[in-house]
Structure formats: structure tokens, C-alpha cells
């Protein structure tokens, strides 16, 4: 009986590589969408008269929540942690 383990391993490795590539492409497309939304959020906030620093914080908060769902953004002001 011939040994097909090498062929099977090559097949599995090929499928794994294709899945990794597809995941990378999906994550890249999502990141691009998130950056566009964050930019639009900043632009709209500035257009509505929101100060630059606040508009930047709003866009940053959105970006962090989308890119790092479980992460929390902590800011220190005057030694206090929020």
C-alpha cells in the first residue's frame, strides 16, 4: 500500500496557506474600512465645530474599539487614571 501521507500533508498545507491569505485579505479590507470611517468621523466632527483635540479623540476611540474590541483606552491627566 503506497504511503500518501506526504501528499495529504501537502494538500493540508496548501489549504492552510490559502485560508491564511484569505484571512489577511479580509482583515486588510476591514482595517481600510475602519480607517475610512474614523477619518469621516473626524472630518464630520471638525465640520460641526468640534475642537480638533476632541474630534481626534472621537476618531481614535472608534479606531481602538474596532481594531481591538476588548481593549480599553486609558488616559492619564494630572496623575489620575480614568
PDB file of N, CA and C in Angstrom:
ATOM      1  N   UNK A   1       0.849  -1.169   0.000  1.00  0.00           N
ATOM      2  CA  UNK A   1       0.000   0.000   0.000  1.00  0.00           C
ATOM      3  C   UNK A   1       0.898   1.236   0.000  1.00  0.00           C
ATOM      4  N   UNK A   2       0.677   2.156  -0.951  1.00  0.00           N
ATOM      5  CA  UNK A   2       1.527   3.351  -1.037  1.00  0.00           C
ATOM      6  C   UNK A   2       1.273   4.294   0.131  1.00  0.00           C
ATOM      7  N   UNK A   3       2.318   5.029   0.482  1.00  0.00           N
ATOM      8  CA  UNK A   3       2.231   5.996   1.576  1.00  0.00           C
ATOM      9  C   UNK A   3       1.785   7.349   1.007  1.00  0.00           C
ATOM     10  N   UNK A   4       0.568   7.779   1.328  1.00  0.00           N
ATOM     11  CA  UNK A   4       0.022   9.035   0.828  1.00  0.00           C
ATOM     12  C   UNK A   4       0.145  10.177   1.833  1.00  0.00           C
ATOM     13  N   UNK A   5       0.883   9.952   2.929  1.00  0.00           N
ATOM     14  CA  UNK A   5       0.950  10.978   3.968  1.00  0.00           C
ATOM     15  C   UNK A   5       1.604  12.265   3.456  1.00  0.00           C
ATOM     16  N   UNK A   6       2.611  12.159   2.579  1.00  0.00           N
ATOM     17  CA  UNK A   6       3.253  13.363   2.040  1.00  0.00           C
ATOM     18  C   UNK A   6       2.273  14.158   1.187  1.00  0.00           C
ATOM     19  N   UNK A   7       1.513  13.488   0.367  1.00  0.00           N
ATOM     20  CA  UNK A   7       0.517  14.159  -0.473  1.00  0.00           C
ATOM     21  C   UNK A   7      -0.560  14.822   0.361  1.00  0.00           C
ATOM     22  N   UNK A   8      -0.991  14.124   1.394  1.00  0.00           N
ATOM     23  CA  UNK A   8      -2.017  14.677   2.274  1.00  0.00           C
ATOM     24  C   UNK A   8      -1.494  15.904   3.008  1.00  0.00           C
ATOM     25  N   UNK A   9      -0.262  15.810   3.509  1.00  0.00           N
ATOM     26  CA  UNK A   9       0.337  16.942   4.221  1.00  0.00           C
ATOM     27  C   UNK A   9       0.507  18.145   3.298  1.00  0.00           C
ATOM     28  N   UNK A  10       0.868  17.900   2.044  1.00  0.00           N
ATOM     29  CA  UNK A  10       0.991  18.996   1.081  1.00  0.00           C
ATOM     30  C   UNK A  10      -0.367  19.626   0.803  1.00  0.00           C
ATOM     31  N   UNK A  11      -1.394  18.781   0.677  1.00  0.00           N
ATOM     32  CA  UNK A  11      -2.748  19.275   0.451  1.00  0.00           C
ATOM     33  C   UNK A  11      -3.211  20.139   1.614  1.00  0.00           C
ATOM     34  N   UNK A  12      -3.013  19.653   2.826  1.00  0.00           N
ATOM     35  CA  UNK A  12      -3.409  20.401   4.022  1.00  0.00           C
ATOM     36  C   UNK A  12      -2.617  21.706   4.111  1.00  0.00           C
ATOM     37  N   UNK A  13      -1.327  21.676   3.824  1.00  0.00           N
ATOM     38  CA  UNK A  13      -0.501  22.887   3.872  1.00  0.00           C
ATOM     39  C   UNK A  13      -0.973  23.907   2.843  1.00  0.00           C
ATOM     40  N   UNK A  14      -1.356  23.440   1.668  1.00  0.00           N
ATOM     41  CA  UNK A  14      -1.862  24.337   0.626  1.00  0.00           C
ATOM     42  C   UNK A  14      -3.171  24.988   1.042  1.00  0.00           C
ATOM     43  N   UNK A  15      -4.073  24.201   1.610  1.00  0.00           N
ATOM     44  CA  UNK A  15      -5.359  24.740   2.080  1.00  0.00           C
ATOM     45  C   UNK A  15      -5.126  25.741   3.200  1.00  0.00           C
ATOM     46  N   UNK A  16      -4.224  25.406   4.103  1.00  0.00           N
ATOM     47  CA  UNK A  16      -3.913  26.307   5.222  1.00  0.00           C
ATOM     48  C   UNK A  16      -3.351  27.635   4.710  1.00  0.00           C
ATOM     49  N   UNK A  17      -2.474  27.581   3.720  1.00  0.00           N
ATOM     50  CA  UNK A  17      -1.895  28.802   3.161  1.00  0.00           C
ATOM     51  C   UNK A  17      -2.978  29.652   2.494  1.00  0.00           C
ATOM     52  N   UNK A  18      -3.892  29.028   1.769  1.00  0.00           N
ATOM     53  CA  UNK A  18      -4.989  29.756   1.131  1.00  0.00           C
ATOM     54  C   UNK A  18      -5.895  30.400   2.171  1.00  0.00           C
ATOM     55  N   UNK A  19      -6.172  29.692   3.256  1.00  0.00           N
ATOM     56  CA  UNK A  19      -7.027  30.238   4.311  1.00  0.00           C
ATOM     57  C   UNK A  19      -6.336  31.410   5.007  1.00  0.00           C
ATOM     58  N   UNK A  20      -5.029  31.287   5.245  1.00  0.00           N
ATOM     59  CA  UNK A  20      -4.272  32.381   5.860  1.00  0.00           C
ATOM     60  C   UNK A  20      -4.305  33.615   4.969  1.00  0.00           C
ATOM     61  N   UNK A  21      -4.120  33.413   3.668  1.00  0.00           N
ATOM     62  CA  UNK A  21      -4.127  34.532   2.723  1.00  0.00           C
ATOM     63  C   UNK A  21      -5.503  35.197   2.694  1.00  0.00           C
ATOM     64  N   UNK A  22      -6.554  34.388   2.697  1.00  0.00           N
ATOM     65  CA  UNK A  22      -7.914  34.941   2.696  1.00  0.00           C
ATOM     66  C   UNK A  22      -8.172  35.738   3.970  1.00  0.00           C
ATOM     67  N   UNK A  23      -7.694  35.242   5.108  1.00  0.00           N
ATOM     68  CA  UNK A  23      -7.864  35.950   6.376  1.00  0.00           C
ATOM     69  C   UNK A  23      -7.125  37.281   6.353  1.00  0.00           C
ATOM     70  N   UNK A  24      -5.907  37.281   5.848  1.00  0.00           N
ATOM     71  CA  UNK A  24      -5.123  38.515   5.745  1.00  0.00           C
ATOM     72  C   UNK A  24      -5.854  39.530   4.872  1.00  0.00           C
ATOM     73  N   UNK A  25      -6.407  39.079   3.756  1.00  0.00           N
ATOM     74  CA  UNK A  25      -7.121  39.975   2.857  1.00  0.00           C
ATOM     75  C   UNK A  25      -8.383  40.532   3.512  1.00  0.00           C
ATOM     76  N   UNK A  26      -9.123  39.703   4.247  1.00  0.00           N
ATOM     77  CA  UNK A  26     -10.335  40.174   4.933  1.00  0.00           C
ATOM     78  C   UNK A  26      -9.989  41.175   6.025  1.00  0.00           C
ATOM     79  N   UNK A  27      -8.935  40.897   6.777  1.00  0.00           N
ATOM     80  CA  UNK A  27      -8.529  41.815   7.843  1.00  0.00           C
ATOM     81  C   UNK A  27      -8.043  43.141   7.261  1.00  0.00           C
ATOM     82  N   UNK A  28      -7.340  43.083   6.148  1.00  0.00           N
ATOM     83  CA  UNK A  28      -6.888  44.309   5.487  1.00  0.00           C
ATOM     84  C   UNK A  28      -8.054  45.146   4.987  1.00  0.00           C
ATOM     85  N   UNK A  29      -9.040  44.490   4.391  1.00  0.00           N
ATOM     86  CA  UNK A  29     -10.227  45.207   3.908  1.00  0.00           C
ATOM     87  C   UNK A  29     -10.986  45.831   5.076  1.00  0.00           C
ATOM     88  N   UNK A  30     -11.086  45.107   6.182  1.00  0.00           N
ATOM     89  CA  UNK A  30     -11.774  45.641   7.364  1.00  0.00           C
ATOM     90  C   UNK A  30     -11.013  46.830   7.927  1.00  0.00           C
ATOM     91  N   UNK A  31      -9.691  46.745   8.015  1.00  0.00           N
ATOM     92  CA  UNK A  31      -8.889  47.850   8.540  1.00  0.00           C
ATOM     93  C   UNK A  31      -9.040  49.089   7.662  1.00  0.00           C
ATOM     94  N   UNK A  32      -9.069  48.894   6.353  1.00  0.00           N
ATOM     95  CA  UNK A  32      -9.250  50.010   5.434  1.00  0.00           C
ATOM     96  C   UNK A  32     -10.612  50.664   5.642  1.00  0.00           C
ATOM     97  N   UNK A  33     -11.643  49.862   5.818  1.00  0.00           N
ATOM     98  CA  UNK A  33     -12.979  50.391   6.078  1.00  0.00           C
ATOM     99  C   UNK A  33     -12.993  51.170   7.393  1.00  0.00           C
ATOM    100  N   UNK A  34     -12.365  50.632   8.433  1.00  0.00           N
ATOM    101  CA  UNK A  34     -12.338  51.301   9.734  1.00  0.00           C
ATOM    102  C   UNK A  34     -11.604  52.640   9.661  1.00  0.00           C
ATOM    103  N   UNK A  35     -10.497  52.694   8.921  1.00  0.00           N
ATOM    104  CA  UNK A  35      -9.750  53.947   8.820  1.00  0.00           C
ATOM    105  C   UNK A  35     -10.554  54.983   8.045  1.00  0.00           C
ATOM    106  N   UNK A  36     -11.296  54.546   7.042  1.00  0.00           N
ATOM    107  CA  UNK A  36     -12.157  55.483   6.308  1.00  0.00           C
ATOM    108  C   UNK A  36     -13.254  56.036   7.211  1.00  0.00           C
ATOM    109  N   UNK A  37     -13.844  55.180   8.012  1.00  0.00           N
ATOM    110  CA  UNK A  37     -14.899  55.628   8.924  1.00  0.00           C
ATOM    111  C   UNK A  37     -14.327  56.567   9.983  1.00  0.00           C
ATOM    112  N   UNK A  38     -13.168  56.220  10.535  1.00  0.00           N
ATOM    113  CA  UNK A  38     -12.545  57.084  11.537  1.00  0.00           C
ATOM    114  C   UNK A  38     -12.217  58.452  10.934  1.00  0.00           C
ATOM    115  N   UNK A  39     -11.726  58.456   9.706  1.00  0.00           N
ATOM    116  CA  UNK A  39     -11.432  59.723   9.026  1.00  0.00           C
ATOM    117  C   UNK A  39     -12.689  60.534   8.780  1.00  0.00           C
ATOM    118  N   UNK A  40     -13.749  59.862   8.355  1.00  0.00           N
ATOM    119  CA  UNK A  40     -15.023  60.552   8.132  1.00  0.00           C
ATOM    120  C   UNK A  40     -15.575  61.093   9.438  1.00  0.00           C
ATOM    121  N   UNK A  41     -15.435  60.332  10.507  1.00  0.00           N
ATOM    122  CA  UNK A  41     -15.886  60.781  11.826  1.00  0.00           C
ATOM    123  C   UNK A  41     -15.146  62.050  12.230  1.00  0.00           C
ATOM    124  N   UNK A  42     -13.831  62.049  12.050  1.00  0.00           N
ATOM    125  CA  UNK A  42     -13.022  63.226  12.376  1.00  0.00           C
ATOM    126  C   UNK A  42     -13.447  64.421  11.516  1.00  0.00           C
ATOM    127  N   UNK A  43     -13.563  64.207  10.219  1.00  0.00           N
ATOM    128  CA  UNK A  43     -13.919  65.284   9.289  1.00  0.00           C
ATOM    129  C   UNK A  43     -15.289  65.870   9.610  1.00  0.00           C
ATOM    130  N   UNK A  44     -16.255  65.016   9.865  1.00  0.00           N
ATOM    131  CA  UNK A  44     -17.606  65.481  10.198  1.00  0.00           C
ATOM    132  C   UNK A  44     -17.618  66.238  11.524  1.00  0.00           C
ATOM    133  N   UNK A  45     -16.854  65.748  12.496  1.00  0.00           N
ATOM    134  CA  UNK A  45     -16.795  66.429  13.792  1.00  0.00           C
ATOM    135  C   UNK A  45     -16.193  67.820  13.636  1.00  0.00           C
ATOM    136  N   UNK A  46     -15.095  67.937  12.891  1.00  0.00           N
ATOM    137  CA  UNK A  46     -14.471  69.239  12.647  1.00  0.00           C
ATOM    138  C   UNK A  46     -15.461  70.150  11.923  1.00  0.00           C
ATOM    139  N   UNK A  47     -16.163  69.611  10.928  1.00  0.00           N
ATOM    140  CA  UNK A  47     -17.139  70.389  10.176  1.00  0.00           C
ATOM    141  C   UNK A  47     -18.293  70.879  11.040  1.00  0.00           C
ATOM    142  N   UNK A  48     -18.583  70.152  12.096  1.00  0.00           N
ATOM    143  CA  UNK A  48     -19.671  70.528  13.004  1.00  0.00           C
ATOM    144  C   UNK A  48     -19.189  71.465  14.111  1.00  0.00           C
ATOM    145  N   UNK A  49     -17.907  71.851  14.067  1.00  0.00           N
ATOM    146  CA  UNK A  49     -17.392  72.789  15.046  1.00  0.00           C
ATOM    147  C   UNK A  49     -16.765  72.162  16.276  1.00  0.00           C
ATOM    148  N   UNK A  50     -16.585  70.852  16.263  1.00  0.00           N
ATOM    149  CA  UNK A  50     -15.935  70.182  17.405  1.00  0.00           C
ATOM    150  C   UNK A  50     -14.451  70.539  17.375  1.00  0.00           C
ATOM    151  N   UNK A  51     -13.860  70.896  18.509  1.00  0.00           N
ATOM    152  CA  UNK A  51     -12.427  71.210  18.538  1.00  0.00           C
ATOM    153  C   UNK A  51     -11.577  70.023  18.060  1.00  0.00           C
ATOM    154  N   UNK A  52     -10.429  70.359  17.474  1.00  0.00           N
ATOM    155  CA  UNK A  52      -9.533  69.354  16.895  1.00  0.00           C
ATOM    156  C   UNK A  52      -9.213  68.222  17.871  1.00  0.00           C
ATOM    157  N   UNK A  53      -8.818  68.569  19.094  1.00  0.00           N
ATOM    158  CA  UNK A  53      -8.417  67.537  20.059  1.00  0.00           C
ATOM    159  C   UNK A  53      -9.563  66.575  20.363  1.00  0.00           C
ATOM    160  N   UNK A  54     -10.765  67.102  20.524  1.00  0.00           N
ATOM    161  CA  UNK A  54     -11.916  66.248  20.807  1.00  0.00           C
ATOM    162  C   UNK A  54     -12.267  65.394  19.595  1.00  0.00           C
ATOM    163  N   UNK A  55     -12.226  65.974  18.407  1.00  0.00           N
ATOM    164  CA  UNK A  55     -12.510  65.219  17.182  1.00  0.00           C
ATOM    165  C   UNK A  55     -11.493  64.095  17.001  1.00  0.00           C
ATOM    166  N   UNK A  56     -10.247  64.387  17.305  1.00  0.00           N
ATOM    167  CA  UNK A  56      -9.186  63.372  17.212  1.00  0.00           C
ATOM    168  C   UNK A  56      -9.445  62.250  18.217  1.00  0.00           C
ATOM    169  N   UNK A  57      -9.832  62.603  19.434  1.00  0.00           N
ATOM    170  CA  UNK A  57     -10.154  61.590  20.447  1.00  0.00           C
ATOM    171  C   UNK A  57     -11.323  60.719  20.000  1.00  0.00           C
ATOM    172  N   UNK A  58     -12.336  61.351  19.414  1.00  0.00           N
ATOM    173  CA  UNK A  58     -13.502  60.597  18.950  1.00  0.00           C
ATOM    174  C   UNK A  58     -13.095  59.578  17.886  1.00  0.00           C
ATOM    175  N   UNK A  59     -12.294  60.008  16.924  1.00  0.00           N
ATOM    176  CA  UNK A  59     -11.836  59.115  15.858  1.00  0.00           C
ATOM    177  C   UNK A  59     -10.948  58.014  16.420  1.00  0.00           C
ATOM    178  N   UNK A  60     -10.075  58.379  17.356  1.00  0.00           N
ATOM    179  CA  UNK A  60      -9.184  57.396  17.978  1.00  0.00           C
ATOM    180  C   UNK A  60      -9.973  56.368  18.771  1.00  0.00           C
ATOM    181  N   UNK A  61     -10.958  56.823  19.529  1.00  0.00           N
ATOM    182  CA  UNK A  61     -11.797  55.895  20.299  1.00  0.00           C
ATOM    183  C   UNK A  61     -12.485  54.894  19.382  1.00  0.00           C
ATOM    184  N   UNK A  62     -13.017  55.387  18.255  1.00  0.00           N
ATOM    185  CA  UNK A  62     -13.663  54.486  17.297  1.00  0.00           C
ATOM    186  C   UNK A  62     -12.655  53.464  16.770  1.00  0.00           C
ATOM    187  N   UNK A  63     -11.485  53.947  16.358  1.00  0.00           N
ATOM    188  CA  UNK A  63     -10.454  53.075  15.796  1.00  0.00           C
ATOM    189  C   UNK A  63     -10.068  51.975  16.788  1.00  0.00           C
ATOM    190  N   UNK A  64      -9.827  52.369  18.039  1.00  0.00           N
ATOM    191  CA  UNK A  64      -9.409  51.405  19.060  1.00  0.00           C
ATOM    192  C   UNK A  64     -10.501  50.363  19.291  1.00  0.00           C
ATOM    193  N   UNK A  65     -11.745  50.795  19.378  1.00  0.00           N
ATOM    194  CA  UNK A  65     -12.846  49.851  19.612  1.00  0.00           C
ATOM    195  C   UNK A  65     -12.993  48.868  18.467  1.00  0.00           C
ATOM    196  N   UNK A  66     -12.817  49.325  17.247  1.00  0.00           N
ATOM    197  CA  UNK A  66     -12.961  48.432  16.092  1.00  0.00           C
ATOM    198  C   UNK A  66     -11.769  47.504  15.914  1.00  0.00           C
ATOM    199  N   UNK A  67     -10.573  48.027  16.107  1.00  0.00           N
ATOM    200  CA  UNK A  67      -9.379  47.222  15.869  1.00  0.00           C
ATOM    201  C   UNK A  67      -9.028  46.328  17.044  1.00  0.00           C
ATOM    202  N   UNK A  68      -9.395  46.746  18.238  1.00  0.00           N
ATOM    203  CA  UNK A  68      -9.060  45.994  19.447  1.00  0.00           C
ATOM    204  C   UNK A  68     -10.301  45.933  20.322  1.00  0.00           C
ATOM    205  N   UNK A  69     -11.252  45.117  19.925  1.00  0.00           N
ATOM    206  CA  UNK A  69     -12.548  45.053  20.589  1.00  0.00           C
ATOM    207  C   UNK A  69     -12.497  44.942  22.101  1.00  0.00           C
ATOM    208  N   UNK A  70     -11.568  44.200  22.648  1.00  0.00           N
ATOM    209  CA  UNK A  70     -11.511  44.012  24.088  1.00  0.00           C
ATOM    210  C   UNK A  70     -10.594  44.999  24.799  1.00  0.00           C
ATOM    211  N   UNK A  71      -9.959  45.884  24.022  1.00  0.00           N
ATOM    212  CA  UNK A  71      -9.004  46.821  24.628  1.00  0.00           C
ATOM    213  C   UNK A  71      -9.727  48.016  25.225  1.00  0.00           C
ATOM    214  N   UNK A  72      -9.102  48.609  26.190  1.00  0.00           N
ATOM    215  CA  UNK A  72      -9.614  49.832  26.803  1.00  0.00           C
ATOM    216  C   UNK A  72      -8.563  50.920  26.652  1.00  0.00           C
ATOM    217  N   UNK A  73      -9.000  52.099  26.289  1.00  0.00           N
ATOM    218  CA  UNK A  73      -8.109  53.228  26.137  1.00  0.00           C
ATOM    219  C   UNK A  73      -8.074  53.981  27.464  1.00  0.00           C
ATOM    220  N   UNK A  74      -6.899  54.075  28.060  1.00  0.00           N
ATOM    221  CA  UNK A  74      -6.749  54.724  29.369  1.00  0.00           C
ATOM    222  C   UNK A  74      -5.928  55.990  29.166  1.00  0.00           C
ATOM    223  N   UNK A  75      -6.446  57.094  29.667  1.00  0.00           N
ATOM    224  CA  UNK A  75      -5.741  58.366  29.578  1.00  0.00           C
ATOM    225  C   UNK A  75      -5.399  58.826  30.988  1.00  0.00           C
ATOM    226  N   UNK A  76      -4.203  59.349  31.129  1.00  0.00           N
ATOM    227  CA  UNK A  76      -3.778  59.889  32.414  1.00  0.00           C
ATOM    228  C   UNK A  76      -3.718  61.403  32.301  1.00  0.00           C
ATOM    229  N   UNK A  77      -4.387  62.064  33.232  1.00  0.00           N
ATOM    230  CA  UNK A  77      -4.353  63.514  33.286  1.00  0.00           C
ATOM    231  C   UNK A  77      -4.087  63.921  34.722  1.00  0.00           C
ATOM    232  N   UNK A  78      -3.041  64.683  34.917  1.00  0.00           N
ATOM    233  CA  UNK A  78      -2.674  65.148  36.257  1.00  0.00           C
ATOM    234  C   UNK A  78      -2.504  64.001  37.247  1.00  0.00           C
ATOM    235  N   UNK A  79      -1.992  62.879  36.764  1.00  0.00           N
ATOM    236  CA  UNK A  79      -1.739  61.739  37.642  1.00  0.00           C
ATOM    237  C   UNK A  79      -2.938  60.855  37.893  1.00  0.00           C
ATOM    238  N   UNK A  80      -4.117  61.269  37.436  1.00  0.00           N
ATOM    239  CA  UNK A  80      -5.319  60.452  37.635  1.00  0.00           C
ATOM    240  C   UNK A  80      -5.495  59.490  36.469  1.00  0.00           C
ATOM    241  N   UNK A  81      -5.986  58.317  36.739  1.00  0.00           N
ATOM    242  CA  UNK A  81      -6.269  57.341  35.699  1.00  0.00           C
ATOM    243  C   UNK A  81      -7.768  57.241  35.565  1.00  0.00           C
ATOM    244  N   UNK A  82      -8.225  57.367  34.321  1.00  0.00           N
ATOM    245  CA  UNK A  82      -9.666  57.265  34.066  1.00  0.00           C
ATOM    246  C   UNK A  82     -10.047  55.840  33.759  1.00  0.00           C
TER     247      UNK A  82
END
